[in-house]
Amino acid sequence: MARRGKKPKGRPVSGWVILDKPKGLGSTDAVSKLKWLFFAQKAGHAGTLDPLASGMLPIALGDATKTVPFVMDGRKVYRFTVRWGVETTTDDTEGPAVHTSDRRPTREDILDRLDDYRGEISQVPPTFSAIKIDGERAYDLAREGEAIEMVARTVSIHRLDLVETPDEASAVFEAECGKGTYVRSIARDLGRDLGCYGHVTDLRRLTVGCFDESDMVTLAELEAVADDGREVLDEAALAEGLKPRVVEFAGLDACLLDTEAALGNLYEVMLNDEQAGRVLSGNPVLLRGRDAPAFCEEAYAVGLGRLIALGAIEEGAFKPKRVFSRG
């Protein structure tokens, strides 16, 4: 007799929560918190945000996890404050000082250097980062005292602006950059080039891919909505002395963005009901219409009132690569 698979725990809810992550909360902990709050079967985030940083952490639930790569590959905007005069082991306030200087750069000194940090540049990631070395996270090796050498890599910085200089010892910047760019490395390298050293004291992520600040929701706001939903209580949990879980999820689900919200930069294919049924079965469909493209490396298909599949257009046909679950 065939053994039945274990039934997934939680609801098959799908969509994006664009969390305004508070300082002190790790990205993994944030995902766990929202997975519990929404009682979701599956959850993941689109790009780690350091515990000391705040701001946008896109969290995918259910089928939205299939679209995470499209968000992670998108541009990100950060606003960050650099403190001059000290370089630390972590390039932020968490680590001890390793270099100090009495020199303080002028606004003109800073502006003269910014062009060197725009476009495609070579950047050495911080030692305390999530990059893997021989299968281990760099920050784990660094915390164990192991000597590691971070390899420089090419990153894209599309924009780097000096926003303000609150005092002679600090400066506020805004950067728009591509995947894999470390703002802490910008602060470290800029401080070295200016001959004064520097480290990040405040970091906030403002946008990720297609998502902007207007999409963000705070943890406190989500918890307040959850509390409203506890008018219908989980009596079994209460009887066991456990914290009651939301049973009425309509309020929380209203905070979700549709799964396809992450795909704004991809070509959209509109399917009729018959075509949607074929694609859901994994079959390609021929696209008709004067404006239908013959080729497109990345596209998504919608039909039956929802997202159907991710795929590509080849020789005028949409060919599904990842089909989203029915219902």
C-alpha atoms as a PDB file:
ATOM      1  CA  MET A   1       0.000   0.000   0.000  1.00  0.00           C
ATOM      2  CA  ALA A   2       1.406   3.398  -1.005  1.00  0.00           C
ATOM      3  CA  ARG A   3       2.229   5.659   1.879  1.00  0.00           C
ATOM      4  CA  ARG A   4       0.464   8.977   1.830  1.00  0.00           C
ATOM      5  CA  GLY A   5       2.550  12.123   1.990  1.00  0.00           C
ATOM      6  CA  LYS A   6       2.373  14.249   5.096  1.00  0.00           C
ATOM      7  CA  LYS A   7      -0.255  16.954   4.813  1.00  0.00           C
ATOM      8  CA  PRO A   8       1.334  20.435   4.740  1.00  0.00           C
ATOM      9  CA  LYS A   9       0.753  22.450   7.878  1.00  0.00           C
ATOM     10  CA  GLY A  10      -0.997  25.754   7.422  1.00  0.00           C
ATOM     11  CA  ARG A  11      -3.088  27.482   4.772  1.00  0.00           C
ATOM     12  CA  PRO A  12      -2.273  27.485   1.035  1.00  0.00           C
ATOM     13  CA  VAL A  13      -2.288  31.291   1.063  1.00  0.00           C
ATOM     14  CA  SER A  14      -0.227  33.073  -1.609  1.00  0.00           C
ATOM     15  CA  GLY A  15       0.953  36.643  -2.122  1.00  0.00           C
ATOM     16  CA  TRP A  16       3.502  39.215  -1.023  1.00  0.00           C
ATOM     17  CA  VAL A  17       3.841  41.032   2.282  1.00  0.00           C
ATOM     18  CA  ILE A  18       6.119  44.043   1.894  1.00  0.00           C
ATOM     19  CA  LEU A  19       7.299  44.311   5.467  1.00  0.00           C
ATOM     20  CA  ASP A  20       8.797  47.478   6.905  1.00  0.00           C
ATOM     21  CA  LYS A  21      11.290  45.528   8.997  1.00  0.00           C
ATOM     22  CA  PRO A  22      12.267  47.162  12.287  1.00  0.00           C
ATOM     23  CA  LYS A  23      15.842  47.324  13.535  1.00  0.00           C
ATOM     24  CA  GLY A  24      16.906  44.373  15.663  1.00  0.00           C
ATOM     25  CA  LEU A  25      14.814  41.791  13.808  1.00  0.00           C
ATOM     26  CA  GLY A  26      16.659  39.311  11.585  1.00  0.00           C
ATOM     27  CA  SER A  27      15.306  38.495   8.117  1.00  0.00           C
ATOM     28  CA  THR A  28      14.820  34.805   8.921  1.00  0.00           C
ATOM     29  CA  ASP A  29      13.021  35.669  12.153  1.00  0.00           C
ATOM     30  CA  ALA A  30      10.767  38.075  10.238  1.00  0.00           C
ATOM     31  CA  VAL A  31       9.820  35.335   7.776  1.00  0.00           C
ATOM     32  CA  SER A  32       9.053  32.925  10.633  1.00  0.00           C
ATOM     33  CA  LYS A  33       6.924  35.555  12.356  1.00  0.00           C
ATOM     34  CA  LEU A  34       4.834  36.250   9.263  1.00  0.00           C
ATOM     35  CA  LYS A  35       4.530  32.585   8.373  1.00  0.00           C
ATOM     36  CA  TRP A  36       3.049  31.989  11.841  1.00  0.00           C
ATOM     37  CA  LEU A  37       0.872  35.098  11.694  1.00  0.00           C
ATOM     38  CA  PHE A  38      -0.682  34.152   8.336  1.00  0.00           C
ATOM     39  CA  PHE A  39      -0.595  30.411   9.167  1.00  0.00           C
ATOM     40  CA  ALA A  40       1.022  29.951   5.731  1.00  0.00           C
ATOM     41  CA  GLN A  41       2.292  26.626   4.434  1.00  0.00           C
ATOM     42  CA  LYS A  42       5.353  28.208   2.840  1.00  0.00           C
ATOM     43  CA  ALA A  43       7.245  31.516   3.128  1.00  0.00           C
ATOM     44  CA  GLY A  44      10.534  33.110   2.099  1.00  0.00           C
ATOM     45  CA  HIS A  45      12.129  36.526   1.679  1.00  0.00           C
ATOM     46  CA  ALA A  46      13.594  38.284  -1.345  1.00  0.00           C
ATOM     47  CA  GLY A  47      16.969  39.482  -0.125  1.00  0.00           C
ATOM     48  CA  THR A  48      18.472  39.502   3.364  1.00  0.00           C
ATOM     49  CA  LEU A  49      18.344  42.725   5.356  1.00  0.00           C
ATOM     50  CA  ASP A  50      20.806  42.974   8.255  1.00  0.00           C
ATOM     51  CA  PRO A  51      19.310  42.975  11.789  1.00  0.00           C
ATOM     52  CA  LEU A  52      20.721  46.475  12.361  1.00  0.00           C
ATOM     53  CA  ALA A  53      19.018  47.749   9.190  1.00  0.00           C
ATOM     54  CA  SER A  54      15.381  48.739   8.770  1.00  0.00           C
ATOM     55  CA  GLY A  55      13.034  49.046   5.842  1.00  0.00           C
ATOM     56  CA  MET A  56      11.744  46.946   3.002  1.00  0.00           C
ATOM     57  CA  LEU A  57      11.856  43.178   3.325  1.00  0.00           C
ATOM     58  CA  PRO A  58       9.593  41.576   0.700  1.00  0.00           C
ATOM     59  CA  ILE A  59       8.212  38.299   2.080  1.00  0.00           C
ATOM     60  CA  ALA A  60       6.583  35.775  -0.235  1.00  0.00           C
ATOM     61  CA  LEU A  61       3.892  33.364   0.896  1.00  0.00           C
ATOM     62  CA  GLY A  62       2.854  30.194  -0.904  1.00  0.00           C
ATOM     63  CA  ASP A  63       3.120  30.304  -4.701  1.00  0.00           C
ATOM     64  CA  ALA A  64       4.680  33.763  -4.508  1.00  0.00           C
ATOM     65  CA  THR A  65       7.920  32.051  -3.429  1.00  0.00           C
ATOM     66  CA  LYS A  66       8.255  30.964  -7.080  1.00  0.00           C
ATOM     67  CA  THR A  67       8.639  34.630  -8.071  1.00  0.00           C
ATOM     68  CA  VAL A  68      11.320  35.471  -5.474  1.00  0.00           C
ATOM     69  CA  PRO A  69      14.215  35.430  -8.021  1.00  0.00           C
ATOM     70  CA  PHE A  70      12.550  38.188 -10.052  1.00  0.00           C
ATOM     71  CA  VAL A  71      12.453  40.436  -6.993  1.00  0.00           C
ATOM     72  CA  MET A  72      15.975  39.603  -5.830  1.00  0.00           C
ATOM     73  CA  ASP A  73      17.347  40.470  -9.284  1.00  0.00           C
ATOM     74  CA  GLY A  74      15.674  43.888  -9.195  1.00  0.00           C
ATOM     75  CA  ARG A  75      17.276  47.173  -8.240  1.00  0.00           C
ATOM     76  CA  LYS A  76      17.288  48.280  -4.620  1.00  0.00           C
ATOM     77  CA  VAL A  77      17.388  51.766  -3.082  1.00  0.00           C
ATOM     78  CA  TYR A  78      19.064  52.379   0.277  1.00  0.00           C
ATOM     79  CA  ARG A  79      19.417  55.460   2.447  1.00  0.00           C
ATOM     80  CA  PHE A  80      22.354  55.222   4.837  1.00  0.00           C
ATOM     81  CA  THR A  81      24.413  57.311   7.226  1.00  0.00           C
ATOM     82  CA  VAL A  82      28.205  57.062   7.356  1.00  0.00           C
ATOM     83  CA  ARG A  83      30.186  58.086  10.418  1.00  0.00           C
ATOM     84  CA  TRP A  84      33.686  59.298   9.569  1.00  0.00           C
ATOM     85  CA  GLY A  85      36.797  58.711  11.627  1.00  0.00           C
ATOM     86  CA  VAL A  86      36.338  55.009  12.457  1.00  0.00           C
ATOM     87  CA  GLU A  87      36.475  51.773  10.473  1.00  0.00           C
ATOM     88  CA  THR A  88      35.120  48.676  12.202  1.00  0.00           C
ATOM     89  CA  THR A  89      35.483  44.939  11.675  1.00  0.00           C
ATOM     90  CA  THR A  90      31.876  44.699  10.509  1.00  0.00           C
ATOM     91  CA  ASP A  91      31.729  48.041   8.633  1.00  0.00           C
ATOM     92  CA  ASP A  92      28.810  49.029  10.865  1.00  0.00           C
ATOM     93  CA  THR A  93      28.277  49.750  14.567  1.00  0.00           C
ATOM     94  CA  GLU A  94      28.270  46.095  15.645  1.00  0.00           C
ATOM     95  CA  GLY A  95      32.020  45.478  15.453  1.00  0.00           C
ATOM     96  CA  PRO A  96      35.000  47.043  17.260  1.00  0.00           C
ATOM     97  CA  ALA A  97      37.165  49.734  15.682  1.00  0.00           C
ATOM     98  CA  VAL A  98      40.180  48.649  13.644  1.00  0.00           C
ATOM     99  CA  HIS A  99      41.266  52.035  12.229  1.00  0.00           C
ATOM    100  CA  THR A 100      40.710  55.601  13.401  1.00  0.00           C
ATOM    101  CA  SER A 101      41.482  59.066  12.029  1.00  0.00           C
ATOM    102  CA  ASP A 102      41.116  62.673  13.121  1.00  0.00           C
ATOM    103  CA  ARG A 103      40.522  63.786   9.543  1.00  0.00           C
ATOM    104  CA  ARG A 104      37.013  64.811   8.497  1.00  0.00           C
ATOM    105  CA  PRO A 105      36.072  65.282   4.815  1.00  0.00           C
ATOM    106  CA  THR A 106      34.319  68.386   3.521  1.00  0.00           C
ATOM    107  CA  ARG A 107      31.164  68.166   1.424  1.00  0.00           C
ATOM    108  CA  GLU A 108      33.276  68.988  -1.632  1.00  0.00           C
ATOM    109  CA  ASP A 109      35.746  66.211  -0.787  1.00  0.00           C
ATOM    110  CA  ILE A 110      32.890  63.712  -0.712  1.00  0.00           C
ATOM    111  CA  LEU A 111      31.258  64.910  -3.931  1.00  0.00           C
ATOM    112  CA  ASP A 112      34.585  64.700  -5.766  1.00  0.00           C
ATOM    113  CA  ARG A 113      34.805  60.976  -5.000  1.00  0.00           C
ATOM    114  CA  LEU A 114      31.275  59.802  -5.766  1.00  0.00           C
ATOM    115  CA  ASP A 115      31.815  59.258  -9.501  1.00  0.00           C
ATOM    116  CA  ASP A 116      34.271  56.487  -8.599  1.00  0.00           C
ATOM    117  CA  TYR A 117      31.359  54.594  -7.028  1.00  0.00           C
ATOM    118  CA  ARG A 118      28.874  54.851  -9.891  1.00  0.00           C
ATOM    119  CA  GLY A 119      28.386  52.345 -12.679  1.00  0.00           C
ATOM    120  CA  GLU A 120      29.979  48.911 -12.642  1.00  0.00           C
ATOM    121  CA  ILE A 121      32.661  48.804  -9.965  1.00  0.00           C
ATOM    122  CA  SER A 122      34.798  46.187  -8.242  1.00  0.00           C
ATOM    123  CA  GLN A 123      33.765  45.701  -4.623  1.00  0.00           C
ATOM    124  CA  VAL A 124      35.056  43.490  -1.817  1.00  0.00           C
ATOM    125  CA  PRO A 125      32.121  42.297   0.350  1.00  0.00           C
ATOM    126  CA  PRO A 126      32.320  42.769   4.126  1.00  0.00           C
ATOM    127  CA  THR A 127      33.916  39.949   6.094  1.00  0.00           C
ATOM    128  CA  PHE A 128      30.761  39.774   8.179  1.00  0.00           C
ATOM    129  CA  SER A 129      28.331  38.941   5.364  1.00  0.00           C
ATOM    130  CA  ALA A 130      26.086  36.077   4.270  1.00  0.00           C
ATOM    131  CA  ILE A 131      28.343  35.113   1.371  1.00  0.00           C
ATOM    132  CA  LYS A 132      29.282  31.429   1.416  1.00  0.00           C
ATOM    133  CA  ILE A 133      32.911  30.294   1.507  1.00  0.00           C
ATOM    134  CA  ASP A 134      33.387  26.538   1.081  1.00  0.00           C
ATOM    135  CA  GLY A 135      29.778  26.057   2.103  1.00  0.00           C
ATOM    136  CA  GLU A 136      29.993  28.204   5.246  1.00  0.00           C
ATOM    137  CA  ARG A 137      28.631  31.721   5.787  1.00  0.00           C
ATOM    138  CA  ALA A 138      31.415  34.297   5.961  1.00  0.00           C
ATOM    139  CA  TYR A 139      30.026  35.812   9.161  1.00  0.00           C
ATOM    140  CA  ASP A 140      30.078  32.414  10.891  1.00  0.00           C
ATOM    141  CA  LEU A 141      33.734  31.896   9.971  1.00  0.00           C
ATOM    142  CA  ALA A 142      34.600  35.446  11.051  1.00  0.00           C
ATOM    143  CA  ARG A 143      32.886  35.027  14.430  1.00  0.00           C
ATOM    144  CA  GLU A 144      34.916  31.853  14.997  1.00  0.00           C
ATOM    145  CA  GLY A 145      38.079  33.884  14.475  1.00  0.00           C
ATOM    146  CA  GLU A 146      39.031  32.189  11.219  1.00  0.00           C
ATOM    147  CA  ALA A 147      41.110  34.293   8.825  1.00  0.00           C
ATOM    148  CA  ILE A 148      39.186  34.610   5.558  1.00  0.00           C
ATOM    149  CA  GLU A 149      39.847  36.508   2.375  1.00  0.00           C
ATOM    150  CA  MET A 150      36.863  38.011   0.610  1.00  0.00           C
ATOM    151  CA  VAL A 151      37.130  38.043  -3.174  1.00  0.00           C
ATOM    152  CA  ALA A 152      36.305  41.230  -5.079  1.00  0.00           C
ATOM    153  CA  ARG A 153      33.394  41.071  -7.494  1.00  0.00           C
ATOM    154  CA  THR A 154      31.727  43.393  -9.969  1.00  0.00           C
ATOM    155  CA  VAL A 155      28.545  45.130  -8.815  1.00  0.00           C
ATOM    156  CA  SER A 156      26.331  47.807 -10.357  1.00  0.00           C
ATOM    157  CA  ILE A 157      25.624  51.114  -8.638  1.00  0.00           C
ATOM    158  CA  HIS A 158      23.161  53.023 -10.784  1.00  0.00           C
ATOM    159  CA  ARG A 159      22.955  56.047  -8.519  1.00  0.00           C
ATOM    160  CA  LEU A 160      24.851  57.326  -5.488  1.00  0.00           C
ATOM    161  CA  ASP A 161      23.849  60.726  -4.104  1.00  0.00           C
ATOM    162  CA  LEU A 162      24.964  62.739  -1.105  1.00  0.00           C
ATOM    163  CA  VAL A 163      21.705  63.699   0.620  1.00  0.00           C
ATOM    164  CA  GLU A 164      23.025  65.792   3.515  1.00  0.00           C
ATOM    165  CA  THR A 165      25.918  66.341   5.912  1.00  0.00           C
ATOM    166  CA  PRO A 166      24.338  66.738   9.372  1.00  0.00           C
ATOM    167  CA  ASP A 167      27.733  67.515  10.919  1.00  0.00           C
ATOM    168  CA  GLU A 168      31.414  67.259  10.046  1.00  0.00           C
ATOM    169  CA  ALA A 169      31.610  63.677  11.287  1.00  0.00           C
ATOM    170  CA  SER A 170      28.726  62.179   9.300  1.00  0.00           C
ATOM    171  CA  ALA A 171      27.048  62.133   5.905  1.00  0.00           C
ATOM    172  CA  VAL A 172      23.770  60.720   4.581  1.00  0.00           C
ATOM    173  CA  PHE A 173      23.683  59.000   1.185  1.00  0.00           C
ATOM    174  CA  GLU A 174      21.139  57.371  -1.080  1.00  0.00           C
ATOM    175  CA  ALA A 175      22.179  54.537  -3.377  1.00  0.00           C
ATOM    176  CA  GLU A 176      20.329  52.678  -6.121  1.00  0.00           C
ATOM    177  CA  CYS A 177      22.148  49.459  -6.849  1.00  0.00           C
ATOM    178  CA  GLY A 178      21.931  45.982  -8.305  1.00  0.00           C
ATOM    179  CA  LYS A 179      22.009  42.529  -6.789  1.00  0.00           C
ATOM    180  CA  GLY A 180      24.968  41.709  -4.529  1.00  0.00           C
ATOM    181  CA  THR A 181      25.978  45.297  -3.720  1.00  0.00           C
ATOM    182  CA  TYR A 182      26.959  45.985  -0.098  1.00  0.00           C
ATOM    183  CA  VAL A 183      26.312  49.490   1.214  1.00  0.00           C
ATOM    184  CA  ARG A 184      28.699  48.794   4.105  1.00  0.00           C
ATOM    185  CA  SER A 185      31.482  48.247   1.573  1.00  0.00           C
ATOM    186  CA  ILE A 186      30.698  51.607  -0.048  1.00  0.00           C
ATOM    187  CA  ALA A 187      31.086  53.301   3.348  1.00  0.00           C
ATOM    188  CA  ARG A 188      34.315  51.434   4.117  1.00  0.00           C
ATOM    189  CA  ASP A 189      35.938  52.092   0.739  1.00  0.00           C
ATOM    190  CA  LEU A 190      34.809  55.714   0.528  1.00  0.00           C
ATOM    191  CA  GLY A 191      36.233  56.343   3.995  1.00  0.00           C
ATOM    192  CA  ARG A 192      39.564  54.872   2.949  1.00  0.00           C
ATOM    193  CA  ASP A 193      39.654  56.928  -0.264  1.00  0.00           C
ATOM    194  CA  LEU A 194      38.923  60.091   1.711  1.00  0.00           C
ATOM    195  CA  GLY A 195      41.695  59.241   4.165  1.00  0.00           C
ATOM    196  CA  CYS A 196      39.370  59.382   7.164  1.00  0.00           C
ATOM    197  CA  TYR A 197      37.839  55.881   7.436  1.00  0.00           C
ATOM    198  CA  GLY A 198      34.119  55.316   7.905  1.00  0.00           C
ATOM    199  CA  HIS A 199      31.351  52.902   8.830  1.00  0.00           C
ATOM    200  CA  VAL A 200      27.564  52.717   8.498  1.00  0.00           C
ATOM    201  CA  THR A 201      25.593  53.865  11.536  1.00  0.00           C
ATOM    202  CA  ASP A 202      22.103  53.732  10.031  1.00  0.00           C
ATOM    203  CA  LEU A 203      20.738  51.833   7.037  1.00  0.00           C
ATOM    204  CA  ARG A 204      17.234  51.750   5.592  1.00  0.00           C
ATOM    205  CA  ARG A 205      16.079  49.978   2.427  1.00  0.00           C
ATOM    206  CA  LEU A 206      13.458  51.979   0.572  1.00  0.00           C
ATOM    207  CA  THR A 207      12.650  49.939  -2.536  1.00  0.00           C
ATOM    208  CA  VAL A 208      13.206  46.462  -3.939  1.00  0.00           C
ATOM    209  CA  GLY A 209      12.413  45.637  -7.569  1.00  0.00           C
ATOM    210  CA  CYS A 210       8.842  46.664  -8.424  1.00  0.00           C
ATOM    211  CA  PHE A 211       7.936  47.434  -4.809  1.00  0.00           C
ATOM    212  CA  ASP A 212       8.158  50.930  -3.317  1.00  0.00           C
ATOM    213  CA  GLU A 213       7.564  52.606   0.042  1.00  0.00           C
ATOM    214  CA  SER A 214       3.791  52.854  -0.506  1.00  0.00           C
ATOM    215  CA  ASP A 215       3.603  49.033  -0.472  1.00  0.00           C
ATOM    216  CA  MET A 216       5.169  48.632   2.973  1.00  0.00           C
ATOM    217  CA  VAL A 217       3.317  47.539   6.083  1.00  0.00           C
ATOM    218  CA  THR A 218       4.737  47.412   9.606  1.00  0.00           C
ATOM    219  CA  LEU A 219       4.758  44.408  11.900  1.00  0.00           C
ATOM    220  CA  ALA A 220       2.709  46.391  14.417  1.00  0.00           C
ATOM    221  CA  GLU A 221       0.040  47.048  11.786  1.00  0.00           C
ATOM    222  CA  LEU A 222      -0.135  43.362  10.867  1.00  0.00           C
ATOM    223  CA  GLU A 223      -0.368  42.325  14.508  1.00  0.00           C
ATOM    224  CA  ALA A 224      -3.177  44.849  15.072  1.00  0.00           C
ATOM    225  CA  VAL A 225      -5.123  43.366  12.145  1.00  0.00           C
ATOM    226  CA  ALA A 226      -4.472  39.888  13.552  1.00  0.00           C
ATOM    227  CA  ASP A 227      -5.793  40.979  16.950  1.00  0.00           C
ATOM    228  CA  ASP A 228      -9.006  42.189  15.301  1.00  0.00           C
ATOM    229  CA  GLY A 229      -9.351  38.732  13.754  1.00  0.00           C
ATOM    230  CA  ARG A 230      -9.111  37.074  17.151  1.00  0.00           C
ATOM    231  CA  GLU A 231     -12.769  37.836  17.744  1.00  0.00           C
ATOM    232  CA  VAL A 232     -13.034  34.266  16.440  1.00  0.00           C
ATOM    233  CA  LEU A 233     -10.623  32.412  18.725  1.00  0.00           C
ATOM    234  CA  ASP A 234      -8.870  29.089  18.464  1.00  0.00           C
ATOM    235  CA  GLU A 235     -10.553  27.479  21.460  1.00  0.00           C
ATOM    236  CA  ALA A 236      -8.259  24.442  21.395  1.00  0.00           C
ATOM    237  CA  ALA A 237      -5.194  26.653  21.710  1.00  0.00           C
ATOM    238  CA  LEU A 238      -6.765  28.606  24.555  1.00  0.00           C
ATOM    239  CA  ALA A 239      -7.587  25.403  26.419  1.00  0.00           C
ATOM    240  CA  GLU A 240      -3.933  24.378  26.238  1.00  0.00           C
ATOM    241  CA  GLY A 241      -2.786  27.777  27.480  1.00  0.00           C
ATOM    242  CA  LEU A 242      -1.266  28.664  24.118  1.00  0.00           C
ATOM    243  CA  LYS A 243      -1.431  32.028  22.386  1.00  0.00           C
ATOM    244  CA  PRO A 244      -4.588  32.002  20.248  1.00  0.00           C
ATOM    245  CA  ARG A 245      -4.029  31.969  16.506  1.00  0.00           C
ATOM    246  CA  VAL A 246      -6.136  34.041  14.147  1.00  0.00           C
ATOM    247  CA  VAL A 247      -8.942  31.909  12.746  1.00  0.00           C
ATOM    248  CA  GLU A 248     -10.547  34.670  10.689  1.00  0.00           C
ATOM    249  CA  PHE A 249      -7.808  35.684   8.220  1.00  0.00           C
ATOM    250  CA  ALA A 250      -9.712  38.082   5.934  1.00  0.00           C
ATOM    251  CA  GLY A 251      -8.118  41.182   7.456  1.00  0.00           C
ATOM    252  CA  LEU A 252      -4.582  39.844   7.174  1.00  0.00           C
ATOM    253  CA  ASP A 253      -5.129  38.546   3.643  1.00  0.00           C
ATOM    254  CA  ALA A 254      -6.237  42.034   2.621  1.00  0.00           C
ATOM    255  CA  CYS A 255      -2.679  43.177   3.423  1.00  0.00           C
ATOM    256  CA  LEU A 256      -1.259  40.846   0.766  1.00  0.00           C
ATOM    257  CA  LEU A 257      -0.204  41.971  -2.696  1.00  0.00           C
ATOM    258  CA  ASP A 258      -0.993  39.614  -5.566  1.00  0.00           C
ATOM    259  CA  THR A 259       1.742  37.179  -6.569  1.00  0.00           C
ATOM    260  CA  GLU A 260       2.100  38.834  -9.992  1.00  0.00           C
ATOM    261  CA  ALA A 261       2.932  42.167  -8.341  1.00  0.00           C
ATOM    262  CA  ALA A 262       6.547  40.954  -8.369  1.00  0.00           C
ATOM    263  CA  LEU A 263       6.534  40.533 -12.134  1.00  0.00           C
ATOM    264  CA  GLY A 264       6.050  44.120 -13.279  1.00  0.00           C
ATOM    265  CA  ASN A 265       9.170  44.042 -15.459  1.00  0.00           C
ATOM    266  CA  LEU A 266       8.089  40.922 -17.379  1.00  0.00           C
ATOM    267  CA  TYR A 267       5.884  40.633 -20.459  1.00  0.00           C
ATOM    268  CA  GLU A 268       2.278  39.744 -19.567  1.00  0.00           C
ATOM    269  CA  VAL A 269       0.378  37.146 -21.603  1.00  0.00           C
ATOM    270  CA  MET A 270      -3.411  37.233 -21.329  1.00  0.00           C
ATOM    271  CA  LEU A 271      -5.029  33.806 -21.754  1.00  0.00           C
ATOM    272  CA  ASN A 272      -8.625  32.864 -22.455  1.00  0.00           C
ATOM    273  CA  ASP A 273     -10.170  30.031 -20.430  1.00  0.00           C
ATOM    274  CA  GLU A 274      -9.262  27.346 -22.969  1.00  0.00           C
ATOM    275  CA  GLN A 275      -5.641  28.513 -23.213  1.00  0.00           C
ATOM    276  CA  ALA A 276      -5.368  28.760 -19.424  1.00  0.00           C
ATOM    277  CA  GLY A 277      -6.486  25.147 -19.116  1.00  0.00           C
ATOM    278  CA  ARG A 278      -3.818  24.030 -21.589  1.00  0.00           C
ATOM    279  CA  VAL A 279      -1.084  25.958 -19.798  1.00  0.00           C
ATOM    280  CA  LEU A 280      -2.171  24.595 -16.428  1.00  0.00           C
ATOM    281  CA  SER A 281      -1.580  21.145 -17.883  1.00  0.00           C
ATOM    282  CA  GLY A 282       1.940  22.178 -18.897  1.00  0.00           C
ATOM    283  CA  ASN A 283       1.204  22.670 -22.601  1.00  0.00           C
ATOM    284  CA  PRO A 284       2.317  25.603 -24.793  1.00  0.00           C
ATOM    285  CA  VAL A 285      -0.243  27.876 -26.464  1.00  0.00           C
ATOM    286  CA  LEU A 286       0.074  29.887 -29.676  1.00  0.00           C
ATOM    287  CA  LEU A 287      -0.307  33.625 -29.169  1.00  0.00           C
ATOM    288  CA  ARG A 288      -2.486  35.495 -31.615  1.00  0.00           C
ATOM    289  CA  GLY A 289      -2.781  39.168 -32.373  1.00  0.00           C
ATOM    290  CA  ARG A 290      -0.799  41.702 -34.342  1.00  0.00           C
ATOM    291  CA  ASP A 291       1.211  42.858 -31.335  1.00  0.00           C
ATOM    292  CA  ALA A 292       2.022  39.416 -29.946  1.00  0.00           C
ATOM    293  CA  PRO A 293       5.809  38.960 -29.706  1.00  0.00           C
ATOM    294  CA  ALA A 294       7.525  36.046 -31.426  1.00  0.00           C
ATOM    295  CA  PHE A 295      10.229  35.697 -28.766  1.00  0.00           C
ATOM    296  CA  CYS A 296      10.570  36.770 -25.143  1.00  0.00           C
ATOM    297  CA  GLU A 297      12.955  35.164 -22.649  1.00  0.00           C
ATOM    298  CA  GLU A 298      10.790  35.856 -19.591  1.00  0.00           C
ATOM    299  CA  ALA A 299       7.017  36.255 -19.477  1.00  0.00           C
ATOM    300  CA  TYR A 300       4.080  35.390 -17.270  1.00  0.00           C
ATOM    301  CA  ALA A 301       0.577  34.279 -18.133  1.00  0.00           C
ATOM    302  CA  VAL A 302      -2.674  35.231 -16.430  1.00  0.00           C
ATOM    303  CA  GLY A 303      -6.102  33.722 -16.930  1.00  0.00           C
ATOM    304  CA  LEU A 304      -9.143  32.514 -15.015  1.00  0.00           C
ATOM    305  CA  GLY A 305      -8.720  35.642 -12.923  1.00  0.00           C
ATOM    306  CA  ARG A 306      -5.273  34.794 -11.571  1.00  0.00           C
ATOM    307  CA  LEU A 307      -1.614  34.112 -12.297  1.00  0.00           C
ATOM    308  CA  ILE A 308      -1.241  30.881 -14.266  1.00  0.00           C
ATOM    309  CA  ALA A 309       2.429  30.363 -15.098  1.00  0.00           C
ATOM    310  CA  LEU A 310       5.923  31.709 -15.643  1.00  0.00           C
ATOM    311  CA  GLY A 311       7.580  30.905 -18.936  1.00  0.00           C
ATOM    312  CA  ALA A 312       9.010  32.134 -22.219  1.00  0.00           C
ATOM    313  CA  ILE A 313       7.711  32.985 -25.669  1.00  0.00           C
ATOM    314  CA  GLU A 314       9.332  31.017 -28.478  1.00  0.00           C
ATOM    315  CA  GLU A 315       8.278  31.149 -32.130  1.00  0.00           C
ATOM    316  CA  GLY A 316       5.076  32.919 -31.164  1.00  0.00           C
ATOM    317  CA  ALA A 317       4.025  30.415 -28.509  1.00  0.00           C
ATOM    318  CA  PHE A 318       3.970  30.803 -24.734  1.00  0.00           C
ATOM    319  CA  LYS A 319       5.759  27.842 -23.173  1.00  0.00           C
ATOM    320  CA  PRO A 320       5.195  27.414 -19.419  1.00  0.00           C
ATOM    321  CA  LYS A 321       8.178  26.661 -17.194  1.00  0.00           C
ATOM    322  CA  ARG A 322       6.577  27.000 -13.753  1.00  0.00           C
ATOM    323  CA  VAL A 323       2.847  26.425 -13.386  1.00  0.00           C
ATOM    324  CA  PHE A 324       0.997  27.787 -10.379  1.00  0.00           C
ATOM    325  CA  SER A 325      -1.335  25.559  -8.409  1.00  0.00           C
ATOM    326  CA  ARG A 326      -5.007  25.473  -9.226  1.00  0.00           C
ATOM    327  CA  GLY A 327      -7.584  27.191  -7.071  1.00  0.00           C
END
